Protein backbone atom coordinates (compact mmCIF):
# COMPACT_ATOMS: atom_id res chain seq x y z
CA UNK A 1 -7.82 -18.38 18.56
CA UNK A 2 -8.74 -15.85 21.47
CA UNK A 3 -10.00 -12.37 20.50
CA UNK A 4 -6.78 -9.75 21.05
CA UNK A 5 -8.34 -6.68 22.19
CA UNK A 6 -5.29 -4.64 21.33
CA UNK A 7 -6.86 -5.22 17.73
CA UNK A 8 -9.09 -2.09 17.10
CA UNK A 9 -12.60 -2.54 15.08
CA UNK A 10 -11.21 -1.45 12.17
CA UNK A 11 -7.46 -1.58 10.42
CA UNK A 12 -6.03 0.87 7.48
CA UNK A 13 -3.13 -0.73 6.15
CA UNK A 14 -0.89 2.27 4.48
CA UNK A 15 1.50 1.58 1.53
CA UNK A 16 4.73 2.05 2.26
CA UNK A 17 6.72 4.97 1.11
CA UNK A 18 8.74 4.48 -1.84
CA UNK A 19 12.31 4.83 -1.93
CA UNK A 20 13.30 6.23 -5.40
CA UNK A 21 16.28 8.37 -4.00
CA UNK A 22 17.34 8.98 -7.74
CA UNK A 23 14.12 11.12 -8.22
CA UNK A 24 15.56 13.56 -5.50
CA UNK A 25 18.98 13.41 -6.36
CA UNK A 26 18.30 13.94 -10.33
CA UNK A 27 16.01 17.31 -8.95
CA UNK A 28 19.04 18.41 -6.85
CA UNK A 29 21.79 17.65 -9.33
CA UNK A 30 19.43 19.44 -12.32
CA UNK A 31 19.17 22.37 -9.71
CA UNK A 32 22.90 23.01 -9.64
CA UNK A 33 22.44 23.28 -13.33
CA UNK A 34 20.33 26.30 -12.95
CA UNK A 35 22.90 27.94 -10.66
CA UNK A 36 25.62 27.03 -13.52
CA UNK A 37 23.64 28.33 -16.52
CA UNK A 38 22.15 31.67 -14.59
CA UNK A 39 25.86 32.51 -13.75
CA UNK A 40 26.65 31.84 -17.62
CA UNK A 41 23.41 34.28 -18.15
CA UNK A 42 21.99 31.14 -20.63
CA UNK A 43 18.68 31.84 -19.28
CA UNK A 44 16.61 29.38 -21.50
CA UNK A 45 18.94 26.31 -20.36
CA UNK A 46 18.34 27.68 -17.24
CA UNK A 47 14.56 27.83 -17.29
CA UNK A 48 14.57 24.40 -18.76
CA UNK A 49 16.56 22.82 -15.88
CA UNK A 50 14.85 24.80 -13.34
CA UNK A 51 11.50 22.82 -14.55
CA UNK A 52 13.14 19.74 -14.80
CA UNK A 53 14.29 20.02 -11.57
CA UNK A 54 10.93 21.13 -10.11
CA UNK A 55 9.29 17.94 -12.29
CA UNK A 56 11.90 15.21 -10.80
CA UNK A 57 11.38 16.87 -6.68
CA UNK A 58 7.55 16.94 -6.96
CA UNK A 59 7.78 13.69 -8.58
CA UNK A 60 9.65 12.43 -5.83
CA UNK A 61 7.55 13.93 -3.35
CA UNK A 62 4.86 12.34 -4.43
CA UNK A 63 6.50 8.57 -4.15
CA UNK A 64 7.04 9.12 -0.75
CA UNK A 65 3.33 9.83 0.43
CA UNK A 66 2.14 7.14 2.60
CA UNK A 67 -1.83 6.15 0.90
CA UNK A 68 -4.40 4.01 2.40
CA UNK A 69 -4.12 0.34 0.23
CA UNK A 70 -6.47 -1.78 2.58
CA UNK A 71 -9.02 -1.24 5.19
CA UNK A 72 -9.91 -4.36 7.26
CA UNK A 73 -12.61 -4.83 9.41
CA UNK A 74 -14.53 -7.76 11.23
CA UNK A 75 -17.26 -6.81 8.49
CA UNK A 76 -14.99 -7.25 5.80
CA UNK A 77 -12.08 -6.20 3.49
CA UNK A 78 -11.87 -3.15 1.39
CA UNK A 79 -9.15 -2.21 -1.53
CA UNK A 80 -8.90 1.56 -1.53
CA UNK A 81 -10.97 2.93 -4.57
CA UNK A 82 -13.17 -0.49 -4.67
CA UNK A 83 -16.16 -1.48 -2.90
CA UNK A 84 -16.07 -3.09 0.36
CA UNK A 85 -16.48 -7.19 0.43
CA UNK A 86 -17.98 -8.95 3.25
CA UNK A 87 -16.36 -11.88 4.65
CA UNK A 88 -19.04 -14.24 3.22
CA UNK A 89 -17.80 -13.13 -0.34
CA UNK A 90 -13.96 -13.44 0.04
CA UNK A 91 -13.36 -17.10 -1.02
CA UNK A 92 -9.68 -18.40 -1.37
CA UNK A 93 -7.73 -15.62 0.89
CA UNK A 94 -4.17 -16.63 1.26
CA UNK A 95 -0.76 -15.05 1.09
CA UNK A 96 1.13 -16.42 -1.51
CA UNK A 97 4.94 -16.48 -1.40
CA UNK A 98 6.85 -16.07 -4.86
CA UNK A 99 10.41 -16.89 -5.77
CA UNK A 100 12.03 -15.65 -9.01
CA UNK A 101 15.78 -15.78 -9.19
CA UNK A 102 17.21 -14.40 -6.05
CA UNK A 103 13.88 -12.58 -5.07
CA UNK A 104 11.33 -13.24 -2.54
CA UNK A 105 8.13 -11.74 -2.37
CA UNK A 106 4.47 -12.40 -0.92
CA UNK A 107 1.19 -11.54 -2.06
CA UNK A 108 -2.53 -11.07 -0.75
CA UNK A 109 -4.63 -13.09 -2.88
CA UNK A 110 -8.25 -13.68 -2.61
CA UNK A 111 -11.28 -13.54 -4.90
CA UNK A 112 -14.46 -11.90 -4.47
CA UNK A 113 -17.24 -12.03 -6.68
CA UNK A 114 -14.90 -13.95 -9.07
CA UNK A 115 -12.90 -11.06 -9.22
CA UNK A 116 -8.87 -11.94 -8.21
CA UNK A 117 -7.23 -9.36 -6.20
CA UNK A 118 -3.62 -9.69 -5.69
CA UNK A 119 -1.66 -7.24 -3.36
CA UNK A 120 2.03 -7.01 -3.08
CA UNK A 121 2.76 -7.03 0.26
CA UNK A 122 6.19 -5.51 -0.25
CA UNK A 123 4.14 -2.33 -1.16
CA UNK A 124 2.17 -2.36 2.29
CA UNK A 125 3.51 -0.91 5.33
CA UNK A 126 3.18 -4.39 7.62
CA UNK A 127 4.91 -7.68 7.33
CA UNK A 128 3.05 -10.84 6.01
CA UNK A 129 2.90 -12.25 9.51
CA UNK A 130 1.47 -9.41 10.90
CA UNK A 131 -1.07 -9.05 8.05
CA UNK A 132 -2.07 -13.03 8.34
CA UNK A 133 -2.43 -12.25 12.06
CA UNK A 134 -4.75 -9.21 11.24
CA UNK A 135 -6.99 -11.11 8.85
CA UNK A 136 -7.55 -14.40 11.01
CA UNK A 137 -8.59 -12.11 13.99
CA UNK A 138 -10.73 -10.27 11.90
CA UNK A 139 -12.55 -13.27 10.46
CA UNK A 140 -12.94 -15.16 13.39
CA UNK A 141 -14.45 -12.09 14.68
CA UNK A 142 -16.55 -12.28 11.80
CA UNK A 143 -17.52 -16.03 12.24
CA UNK A 144 -18.46 -15.28 15.99
CA UNK A 145 -20.75 -12.08 15.31
CA UNK A 146 -22.54 -14.46 12.80
CA UNK A 147 -23.21 -17.39 15.43
CA UNK A 148 -24.42 -14.63 18.09
CA UNK A 149 -26.61 -13.27 14.98
CA UNK A 150 -28.19 -16.97 14.71
CA UNK A 151 -28.44 -17.60 18.80
CA UNK A 152 -30.20 -14.25 18.82
CA UNK A 153 -33.12 -15.69 16.13
């Protein structure tokens, strides 16, 4: 496989923003009750609905934030929040398709130091095909760097 110069030395794969719009809808709907209870001078009910509305909207805003999930480079792979793993210690790397009823999903699966990592690709902001291309390219770069180091010795 020829090296693609368009692929950077490090790729950061982010999570896909959640689409739980019911939280936002619930927060805004509850806020309408705040106005209703304020008009009727029921301050205790209004306060309770206001707190509920703030909680639901805050929860929605947290869910739509994009966060880094994977860091991939020619040296290895890292699941954010876990230690970096060299490609030399990554085994059984595959994108596993799963069909459950009418639902189709794909999961990135690999083993590092006897620990199985499973990352649902639907949570990532990348397609399975793009992720597979990145993984192949970085692993090829890793193999080439090992060959170059051996030749220098």
